[in-house]
Amino acid sequence: MTDLPRPLNRVFPEGIDPLYPVTIVKTRYSGSYEGGTFAAFLTEPWDVPQDAFADDRVAYGWWKEHGGMIGVGDTPDEALASLRSKLT
């Protein structure tokens, strides 16, 4: 398991969706640190960073440092749209 999300500057051939793999999960702190109730990670489910869901101190630090690379929203669709917007 890695603590850092993959870089978002990947290049894909035309017609290939850059949002693969993507994992959408409910956030632990309901948006207090994350910015939304759901988070979309550009990774396989088993690679979602556990620090993002750790205790208050660890989660706060993780989201402050890495939150800009994660899609967040109040619904799974909003989180996915947020992640997609960060790729374009």
PDB file of N, CA and C in Angstrom:
ATOM      1  N   MET A   1       0.849  -1.171   0.000  1.00  0.00           N
ATOM      2  CA  MET A   1       0.000   0.000   0.000  1.00  0.00           C
ATOM      3  C   MET A   1       0.896   1.237   0.000  1.00  0.00           C
ATOM      4  N   THR A   2       0.473   2.240  -0.717  1.00  0.00           N
ATOM      5  CA  THR A   2       1.225   3.482  -0.786  1.00  0.00           C
ATOM      6  C   THR A   2       0.490   4.583  -0.056  1.00  0.00           C
ATOM      7  N   ASP A   3       1.233   5.551   0.448  1.00  0.00           N
ATOM      8  CA  ASP A   3       0.633   6.674   1.152  1.00  0.00           C
ATOM      9  C   ASP A   3       0.340   7.838   0.222  1.00  0.00           C
ATOM     10  N   LEU A   4       0.855   7.787  -0.990  1.00  0.00           N
ATOM     11  CA  LEU A   4       0.680   8.897  -1.916  1.00  0.00           C
ATOM     12  C   LEU A   4      -0.138   8.467  -3.119  1.00  0.00           C
ATOM     13  N   PRO A   5      -1.097   9.302  -3.540  1.00  0.00           N
ATOM     14  CA  PRO A   5      -1.851   8.989  -4.754  1.00  0.00           C
ATOM     15  C   PRO A   5      -0.932   9.043  -5.974  1.00  0.00           C
ATOM     16  N   ARG A   6      -1.356   8.398  -7.030  1.00  0.00           N
ATOM     17  CA  ARG A   6      -0.597   8.465  -8.274  1.00  0.00           C
ATOM     18  C   ARG A   6      -0.607   9.895  -8.802  1.00  0.00           C
ATOM     19  N   PRO A   7       0.438  10.265  -9.538  1.00  0.00           N
ATOM     20  CA  PRO A   7       0.432  11.598 -10.159  1.00  0.00           C
ATOM     21  C   PRO A   7      -0.735  11.725 -11.131  1.00  0.00           C
ATOM     22  N   LEU A   8      -1.262  12.928 -11.254  1.00  0.00           N
ATOM     23  CA  LEU A   8      -2.416  13.148 -12.120  1.00  0.00           C
ATOM     24  C   LEU A   8      -2.032  13.527 -13.548  1.00  0.00           C
ATOM     25  N   ASN A   9      -0.751  13.586 -13.854  1.00  0.00           N
ATOM     26  CA  ASN A   9      -0.327  14.023 -15.180  1.00  0.00           C
ATOM     27  C   ASN A   9      -0.077  12.844 -16.116  1.00  0.00           C
ATOM     28  N   ARG A  10      -0.974  11.879 -16.099  1.00  0.00           N
ATOM     29  CA  ARG A  10      -0.860  10.732 -16.991  1.00  0.00           C
ATOM     30  C   ARG A  10      -1.432  11.084 -18.364  1.00  0.00           C
ATOM     31  N   VAL A  11      -0.906  10.481 -19.406  1.00  0.00           N
ATOM     32  CA  VAL A  11      -1.362  10.726 -20.774  1.00  0.00           C
ATOM     33  C   VAL A  11      -2.081   9.474 -21.269  1.00  0.00           C
ATOM     34  N   PHE A  12      -3.260   9.665 -21.871  1.00  0.00           N
ATOM     35  CA  PHE A  12      -4.059   8.544 -22.363  1.00  0.00           C
ATOM     36  C   PHE A  12      -4.394   8.746 -23.832  1.00  0.00           C
ATOM     37  N   PRO A  13      -4.387   7.671 -24.602  1.00  0.00           N
ATOM     38  CA  PRO A  13      -4.804   7.769 -26.005  1.00  0.00           C
ATOM     39  C   PRO A  13      -6.259   8.233 -26.097  1.00  0.00           C
ATOM     40  N   GLU A  14      -6.603   8.837 -27.203  1.00  0.00           N
ATOM     41  CA  GLU A  14      -7.971   9.305 -27.406  1.00  0.00           C
ATOM     42  C   GLU A  14      -8.950   8.143 -27.255  1.00  0.00           C
ATOM     43  N   GLY A  15     -10.030   8.388 -26.536  1.00  0.00           N
ATOM     44  CA  GLY A  15     -11.044   7.371 -26.327  1.00  0.00           C
ATOM     45  C   GLY A  15     -10.838   6.533 -25.077  1.00  0.00           C
ATOM     46  N   ILE A  16      -9.709   6.685 -24.413  1.00  0.00           N
ATOM     47  CA  ILE A  16      -9.440   5.944 -23.180  1.00  0.00           C
ATOM     48  C   ILE A  16      -9.757   6.850 -21.996  1.00  0.00           C
ATOM     49  N   ASP A  17     -10.569   6.358 -21.072  1.00  0.00           N
ATOM     50  CA  ASP A  17     -10.953   7.149 -19.903  1.00  0.00           C
ATOM     51  C   ASP A  17      -9.798   7.196 -18.909  1.00  0.00           C
ATOM     52  N   PRO A  18      -9.318   8.392 -18.570  1.00  0.00           N
ATOM     53  CA  PRO A  18      -8.210   8.501 -17.617  1.00  0.00           C
ATOM     54  C   PRO A  18      -8.620   8.153 -16.185  1.00  0.00           C
ATOM     55  N   LEU A  19      -9.901   7.972 -15.946  1.00  0.00           N
ATOM     56  CA  LEU A  19     -10.361   7.647 -14.599  1.00  0.00           C
ATOM     57  C   LEU A  19     -10.471   6.137 -14.408  1.00  0.00           C
ATOM     58  N   TYR A  20      -9.357   5.474 -14.611  1.00  0.00           N
ATOM     59  CA  TYR A  20      -9.316   4.039 -14.356  1.00  0.00           C
ATOM     60  C   TYR A  20      -7.940   3.687 -13.833  1.00  0.00           C
ATOM     61  N   PRO A  21      -7.853   3.027 -12.756  1.00  0.00           N
ATOM     62  CA  PRO A  21      -8.960   2.662 -11.872  1.00  0.00           C
ATOM     63  C   PRO A  21      -9.330   3.837 -10.978  1.00  0.00           C
ATOM     64  N   VAL A  22     -10.553   3.858 -10.535  1.00  0.00           N
ATOM     65  CA  VAL A  22     -11.000   4.881  -9.591  1.00  0.00           C
ATOM     66  C   VAL A  22     -11.782   4.181  -8.481  1.00  0.00           C
ATOM     67  N   THR A  23     -11.593   4.662  -7.260  1.00  0.00           N
ATOM     68  CA  THR A  23     -12.292   4.122  -6.098  1.00  0.00           C
ATOM     69  C   THR A  23     -12.983   5.271  -5.386  1.00  0.00           C
ATOM     70  N   ILE A  24     -14.288   5.152  -5.180  1.00  0.00           N
ATOM     71  CA  ILE A  24     -15.060   6.191  -4.489  1.00  0.00           C
ATOM     72  C   ILE A  24     -15.510   5.629  -3.149  1.00  0.00           C
ATOM     73  N   VAL A  25     -15.219   6.371  -2.097  1.00  0.00           N
ATOM     74  CA  VAL A  25     -15.556   5.932  -0.742  1.00  0.00           C
ATOM     75  C   VAL A  25     -16.190   7.079   0.032  1.00  0.00           C
ATOM     76  N   LYS A  26     -16.935   6.730   1.059  1.00  0.00           N
ATOM     77  CA  LYS A  26     -17.484   7.731   1.965  1.00  0.00           C
ATOM     78  C   LYS A  26     -16.361   8.189   2.887  1.00  0.00           C
ATOM     79  N   THR A  27     -16.254   9.483   3.099  1.00  0.00           N
ATOM     80  CA  THR A  27     -15.182  10.005   3.936  1.00  0.00           C
ATOM     81  C   THR A  27     -15.488   9.785   5.414  1.00  0.00           C
ATOM     82  N   ARG A  28     -14.449   9.655   6.196  1.00  0.00           N
ATOM     83  CA  ARG A  28     -14.626   9.371   7.619  1.00  0.00           C
ATOM     84  C   ARG A  28     -15.185  10.566   8.377  1.00  0.00           C
ATOM     85  N   TYR A  29     -14.728  11.766   8.026  1.00  0.00           N
ATOM     86  CA  TYR A  29     -15.092  12.957   8.790  1.00  0.00           C
ATOM     87  C   TYR A  29     -16.160  13.797   8.105  1.00  0.00           C
ATOM     88  N   SER A  30     -16.885  13.224   7.172  1.00  0.00           N
ATOM     89  CA  SER A  30     -18.023  13.862   6.491  1.00  0.00           C
ATOM     90  C   SER A  30     -17.705  15.238   5.925  1.00  0.00           C
ATOM     91  N   GLY A  31     -16.487  15.427   5.477  1.00  0.00           N
ATOM     92  CA  GLY A  31     -16.118  16.676   4.835  1.00  0.00           C
ATOM     93  C   GLY A  31     -15.378  17.660   5.706  1.00  0.00           C
ATOM     94  N   SER A  32     -15.245  17.395   6.986  1.00  0.00           N
ATOM     95  CA  SER A  32     -14.553  18.330   7.881  1.00  0.00           C
ATOM     96  C   SER A  32     -13.130  18.602   7.412  1.00  0.00           C
ATOM     97  N   TYR A  33     -12.407  17.568   7.045  1.00  0.00           N
ATOM     98  CA  TYR A  33     -11.040  17.727   6.541  1.00  0.00           C
ATOM     99  C   TYR A  33     -10.990  17.537   5.032  1.00  0.00           C
ATOM    100  N   GLU A  34     -11.874  16.699   4.539  1.00  0.00           N
ATOM    101  CA  GLU A  34     -11.809  16.277   3.146  1.00  0.00           C
ATOM    102  C   GLU A  34     -12.427  17.286   2.182  1.00  0.00           C
ATOM    103  N   GLY A  35     -13.459  17.976   2.625  1.00  0.00           N
ATOM    104  CA  GLY A  35     -14.147  18.921   1.759  1.00  0.00           C
ATOM    105  C   GLY A  35     -15.415  18.363   1.145  1.00  0.00           C
ATOM    106  N   GLY A  36     -15.765  17.131   1.457  1.00  0.00           N
ATOM    107  CA  GLY A  36     -16.980  16.516   0.937  1.00  0.00           C
ATOM    108  C   GLY A  36     -17.262  15.200   1.635  1.00  0.00           C
ATOM    109  N   THR A  37     -18.469  14.707   1.453  1.00  0.00           N
ATOM    110  CA  THR A  37     -18.896  13.463   2.091  1.00  0.00           C
ATOM    111  C   THR A  37     -18.331  12.234   1.389  1.00  0.00           C
ATOM    112  N   PHE A  38     -17.983  12.375   0.096  1.00  0.00           N
ATOM    113  CA  PHE A  38     -17.412  11.268  -0.670  1.00  0.00           C
ATOM    114  C   PHE A  38     -16.085  11.701  -1.278  1.00  0.00           C
ATOM    115  N   ALA A  39     -15.181  10.739  -1.427  1.00  0.00           N
ATOM    116  CA  ALA A  39     -13.870  11.005  -2.022  1.00  0.00           C
ATOM    117  C   ALA A  39     -13.615  10.008  -3.146  1.00  0.00           C
ATOM    118  N   ALA A  40     -13.075  10.511  -4.250  1.00  0.00           N
ATOM    119  CA  ALA A  40     -12.728   9.676  -5.403  1.00  0.00           C
ATOM    120  C   ALA A  40     -11.205   9.632  -5.531  1.00  0.00           C
ATOM    121  N   PHE A  41     -10.655   8.438  -5.401  1.00  0.00           N
ATOM    122  CA  PHE A  41      -9.216   8.221  -5.485  1.00  0.00           C
ATOM    123  C   PHE A  41      -8.886   7.566  -6.819  1.00  0.00           C
ATOM    124  N   LEU A  42      -7.842   8.031  -7.469  1.00  0.00           N
ATOM    125  CA  LEU A  42      -7.397   7.468  -8.740  1.00  0.00           C
ATOM    126  C   LEU A  42      -6.470   6.288  -8.444  1.00  0.00           C
ATOM    127  N   THR A  43      -7.075   5.219  -7.918  1.00  0.00           N
ATOM    128  CA  THR A  43      -6.314   4.045  -7.519  1.00  0.00           C
ATOM    129  C   THR A  43      -7.242   2.854  -7.311  1.00  0.00           C
ATOM    130  N   GLU A  44      -6.657   1.688  -7.186  1.00  0.00           N
ATOM    131  CA  GLU A  44      -7.413   0.484  -6.847  1.00  0.00           C
ATOM    132  C   GLU A  44      -7.872   0.579  -5.393  1.00  0.00           C
ATOM    133  N   PRO A  45      -8.945  -0.105  -5.019  1.00  0.00           N
ATOM    134  CA  PRO A  45      -9.446  -0.022  -3.638  1.00  0.00           C
ATOM    135  C   PRO A  45      -8.397  -0.367  -2.586  1.00  0.00           C
ATOM    136  N   TRP A  46      -7.555  -1.351  -2.855  1.00  0.00           N
ATOM    137  CA  TRP A  46      -6.567  -1.763  -1.857  1.00  0.00           C
ATOM    138  C   TRP A  46      -5.410  -0.784  -1.730  1.00  0.00           C
ATOM    139  N   ASP A  47      -5.321   0.195  -2.631  1.00  0.00           N
ATOM    140  CA  ASP A  47      -4.263   1.199  -2.557  1.00  0.00           C
ATOM    141  C   ASP A  47      -4.729   2.541  -2.006  1.00  0.00           C
ATOM    142  N   VAL A  48      -5.983   2.637  -1.597  1.00  0.00           N
ATOM    143  CA  VAL A  48      -6.465   3.893  -1.004  1.00  0.00           C
ATOM    144  C   VAL A  48      -5.670   4.135   0.277  1.00  0.00           C
ATOM    145  N   PRO A  49      -5.068   5.315   0.422  1.00  0.00           N
ATOM    146  CA  PRO A  49      -4.227   5.595   1.589  1.00  0.00           C
ATOM    147  C   PRO A  49      -5.015   5.549   2.904  1.00  0.00           C
ATOM    148  N   GLN A  50      -4.564   4.735   3.824  1.00  0.00           N
ATOM    149  CA  GLN A  50      -5.242   4.600   5.111  1.00  0.00           C
ATOM    150  C   GLN A  50      -5.127   5.857   5.964  1.00  0.00           C
ATOM    151  N   ASP A  51      -4.070   6.644   5.767  1.00  0.00           N
ATOM    152  CA  ASP A  51      -3.919   7.872   6.550  1.00  0.00           C
ATOM    153  C   ASP A  51      -5.063   8.853   6.304  1.00  0.00           C
ATOM    154  N   ALA A  52      -5.712   8.763   5.158  1.00  0.00           N
ATOM    155  CA  ALA A  52      -6.846   9.646   4.861  1.00  0.00           C
ATOM    156  C   ALA A  52      -8.029   9.376   5.779  1.00  0.00           C
ATOM    157  N   PHE A  53      -8.019   8.222   6.447  1.00  0.00           N
ATOM    158  CA  PHE A  53      -9.129   7.817   7.315  1.00  0.00           C
ATOM    159  C   PHE A  53      -8.666   7.533   8.738  1.00  0.00           C
ATOM    160  N   ALA A  54      -7.484   7.988   9.065  1.00  0.00           N
ATOM    161  CA  ALA A  54      -6.899   7.725  10.382  1.00  0.00           C
ATOM    162  C   ALA A  54      -7.500   8.660  11.436  1.00  0.00           C
ATOM    163  N   ASP A  55      -6.830   8.760  12.585  1.00  0.00           N
ATOM    164  CA  ASP A  55      -7.325   9.644  13.644  1.00  0.00           C
ATOM    165  C   ASP A  55      -7.271  11.102  13.187  1.00  0.00           C
ATOM    166  N   ASP A  56      -7.855  11.983  13.984  1.00  0.00           N
ATOM    167  CA  ASP A  56      -7.980  13.399  13.602  1.00  0.00           C
ATOM    168  C   ASP A  56      -6.669  14.024  13.148  1.00  0.00           C
ATOM    169  N   ARG A  57      -5.636  13.890  13.930  1.00  0.00           N
ATOM    170  CA  ARG A  57      -4.364  14.551  13.633  1.00  0.00           C
ATOM    171  C   ARG A  57      -3.767  14.041  12.322  1.00  0.00           C
ATOM    172  N   VAL A  58      -3.742  12.740  12.148  1.00  0.00           N
ATOM    173  CA  VAL A  58      -3.155  12.151  10.939  1.00  0.00           C
ATOM    174  C   VAL A  58      -4.004  12.479   9.707  1.00  0.00           C
ATOM    175  N   ALA A  59      -5.315  12.321   9.816  1.00  0.00           N
ATOM    176  CA  ALA A  59      -6.200  12.599   8.679  1.00  0.00           C
ATOM    177  C   ALA A  59      -6.132  14.069   8.273  1.00  0.00           C
ATOM    178  N   TYR A  60      -6.138  14.960   9.245  1.00  0.00           N
ATOM    179  CA  TYR A  60      -6.042  16.394   8.938  1.00  0.00           C
ATOM    180  C   TYR A  60      -4.777  16.681   8.131  1.00  0.00           C
ATOM    181  N   GLY A  61      -3.646  16.162   8.596  1.00  0.00           N
ATOM    182  CA  GLY A  61      -2.380  16.384   7.895  1.00  0.00           C
ATOM    183  C   GLY A  61      -2.369  15.774   6.503  1.00  0.00           C
ATOM    184  N   TRP A  62      -2.939  14.569   6.385  1.00  0.00           N
ATOM    185  CA  TRP A  62      -2.953  13.915   5.081  1.00  0.00           C
ATOM    186  C   TRP A  62      -3.777  14.715   4.085  1.00  0.00           C
ATOM    187  N   TRP A  63      -4.978  15.121   4.480  1.00  0.00           N
ATOM    188  CA  TRP A  63      -5.841  15.864   3.556  1.00  0.00           C
ATOM    189  C   TRP A  63      -5.266  17.235   3.236  1.00  0.00           C
ATOM    190  N   LYS A  64      -4.591  17.845   4.185  1.00  0.00           N
ATOM    191  CA  LYS A  64      -3.977  19.148   3.922  1.00  0.00           C
ATOM    192  C   LYS A  64      -2.876  19.012   2.871  1.00  0.00           C
ATOM    193  N   GLU A  65      -2.114  17.932   2.942  1.00  0.00           N
ATOM    194  CA  GLU A  65      -1.007  17.732   2.008  1.00  0.00           C
ATOM    195  C   GLU A  65      -1.436  17.144   0.664  1.00  0.00           C
ATOM    196  N   HIS A  66      -2.385  16.206   0.665  1.00  0.00           N
ATOM    197  CA  HIS A  66      -2.721  15.466  -0.553  1.00  0.00           C
ATOM    198  C   HIS A  66      -4.138  15.706  -1.082  1.00  0.00           C
ATOM    199  N   GLY A  67      -4.942  16.451  -0.372  1.00  0.00           N
ATOM    200  CA  GLY A  67      -6.342  16.624  -0.750  1.00  0.00           C
ATOM    201  C   GLY A  67      -6.561  17.209  -2.131  1.00  0.00           C
ATOM    202  N   GLY A  68      -5.615  17.984  -2.618  1.00  0.00           N
ATOM    203  CA  GLY A  68      -5.751  18.585  -3.938  1.00  0.00           C
ATOM    204  C   GLY A  68      -5.701  17.588  -5.078  1.00  0.00           C
ATOM    205  N   MET A  69      -5.295  16.356  -4.784  1.00  0.00           N
ATOM    206  CA  MET A  69      -5.194  15.321  -5.818  1.00  0.00           C
ATOM    207  C   MET A  69      -6.365  14.345  -5.773  1.00  0.00           C
ATOM    208  N   ILE A  70      -7.325  14.601  -4.881  1.00  0.00           N
ATOM    209  CA  ILE A  70      -8.445  13.694  -4.671  1.00  0.00           C
ATOM    210  C   ILE A  70      -9.737  14.423  -5.028  1.00  0.00           C
ATOM    211  N   GLY A  71     -10.639  13.755  -5.715  1.00  0.00           N
ATOM    212  CA  GLY A  71     -11.945  14.343  -6.004  1.00  0.00           C
ATOM    213  C   GLY A  71     -12.854  14.202  -4.795  1.00  0.00           C
ATOM    214  N   VAL A  72     -13.532  15.275  -4.423  1.00  0.00           N
ATOM    215  CA  VAL A  72     -14.456  15.221  -3.286  1.00  0.00           C
ATOM    216  C   VAL A  72     -15.785  15.851  -3.674  1.00  0.00           C
ATOM    217  N   GLY A  73     -16.851  15.405  -3.013  1.00  0.00           N
ATOM    218  CA  GLY A  73     -18.174  15.954  -3.264  1.00  0.00           C
ATOM    219  C   GLY A  73     -19.169  15.406  -2.267  1.00  0.00           C
ATOM    220  N   ASP A  74     -20.378  15.922  -2.323  1.00  0.00           N
ATOM    221  CA  ASP A  74     -21.425  15.483  -1.402  1.00  0.00           C
ATOM    222  C   ASP A  74     -22.143  14.230  -1.887  1.00  0.00           C
ATOM    223  N   THR A  75     -21.867  13.817  -3.115  1.00  0.00           N
ATOM    224  CA  THR A  75     -22.397  12.561  -3.661  1.00  0.00           C
ATOM    225  C   THR A  75     -21.244  11.853  -4.375  1.00  0.00           C
ATOM    226  N   PRO A  76     -21.380  10.562  -4.627  1.00  0.00           N
ATOM    227  CA  PRO A  76     -20.334   9.884  -5.401  1.00  0.00           C
ATOM    228  C   PRO A  76     -20.127  10.508  -6.785  1.00  0.00           C
ATOM    229  N   ASP A  77     -21.209  10.917  -7.435  1.00  0.00           N
ATOM    230  CA  ASP A  77     -21.088  11.543  -8.759  1.00  0.00           C
ATOM    231  C   ASP A  77     -20.324  12.859  -8.690  1.00  0.00           C
ATOM    232  N   GLU A  78     -20.570  13.650  -7.643  1.00  0.00           N
ATOM    233  CA  GLU A  78     -19.842  14.913  -7.480  1.00  0.00           C
ATOM    234  C   GLU A  78     -18.358  14.662  -7.231  1.00  0.00           C
ATOM    235  N   ALA A  79     -18.046  13.643  -6.444  1.00  0.00           N
ATOM    236  CA  ALA A  79     -16.641  13.313  -6.185  1.00  0.00           C
ATOM    237  C   ALA A  79     -15.946  12.895  -7.478  1.00  0.00           C
ATOM    238  N   LEU A  80     -16.613  12.096  -8.290  1.00  0.00           N
ATOM    239  CA  LEU A  80     -16.052  11.669  -9.567  1.00  0.00           C
ATOM    240  C   LEU A  80     -15.860  12.861 -10.505  1.00  0.00           C
ATOM    241  N   ALA A  81     -16.838  13.753 -10.561  1.00  0.00           N
ATOM    242  CA  ALA A  81     -16.721  14.952 -11.400  1.00  0.00           C
ATOM    243  C   ALA A  81     -15.571  15.834 -10.920  1.00  0.00           C
ATOM    244  N   SER A  82     -15.400  15.926  -9.617  1.00  0.00           N
ATOM    245  CA  SER A  82     -14.301  16.707  -9.051  1.00  0.00           C
ATOM    246  C   SER A  82     -12.955  16.119  -9.464  1.00  0.00           C
ATOM    247  N   LEU A  83     -12.828  14.804  -9.378  1.00  0.00           N
ATOM    248  CA  LEU A  83     -11.584  14.153  -9.791  1.00  0.00           C
ATOM    249  C   LEU A  83     -11.346  14.366 -11.280  1.00  0.00           C
ATOM    250  N   ARG A  84     -12.392  14.208 -12.084  1.00  0.00           N
ATOM    251  CA  ARG A  84     -12.258  14.400 -13.532  1.00  0.00           C
ATOM    252  C   ARG A  84     -11.795  15.828 -13.847  1.00  0.00           C
ATOM    253  N   SER A  85     -12.317  16.811 -13.124  1.00  0.00           N
ATOM    254  CA  SER A  85     -11.930  18.204 -13.384  1.00  0.00           C
ATOM    255  C   SER A  85     -10.462  18.453 -13.049  1.00  0.00           C
ATOM    256  N   LYS A  86      -9.912  17.685 -12.134  1.00  0.00           N
ATOM    257  CA  LYS A  86      -8.505  17.853 -11.772  1.00  0.00           C
ATOM    258  C   LYS A  86      -7.574  17.229 -12.807  1.00  0.00           C
ATOM    259  N   LEU A  87      -8.116  16.388 -13.662  1.00  0.00           N
ATOM    260  CA  LEU A  87      -7.315  15.753 -14.707  1.00  0.00           C
ATOM    261  C   LEU A  87      -7.278  16.562 -15.994  1.00  0.00           C
ATOM    262  N   THR A  88      -8.168  17.527 -16.112  1.00  0.00           N
ATOM    263  CA  THR A  88      -8.221  18.293 -17.361  1.00  0.00           C
ATOM    264  C   THR A  88      -7.709  19.695 -17.182  1.00  0.00           C
TER     265      THR A  88
END
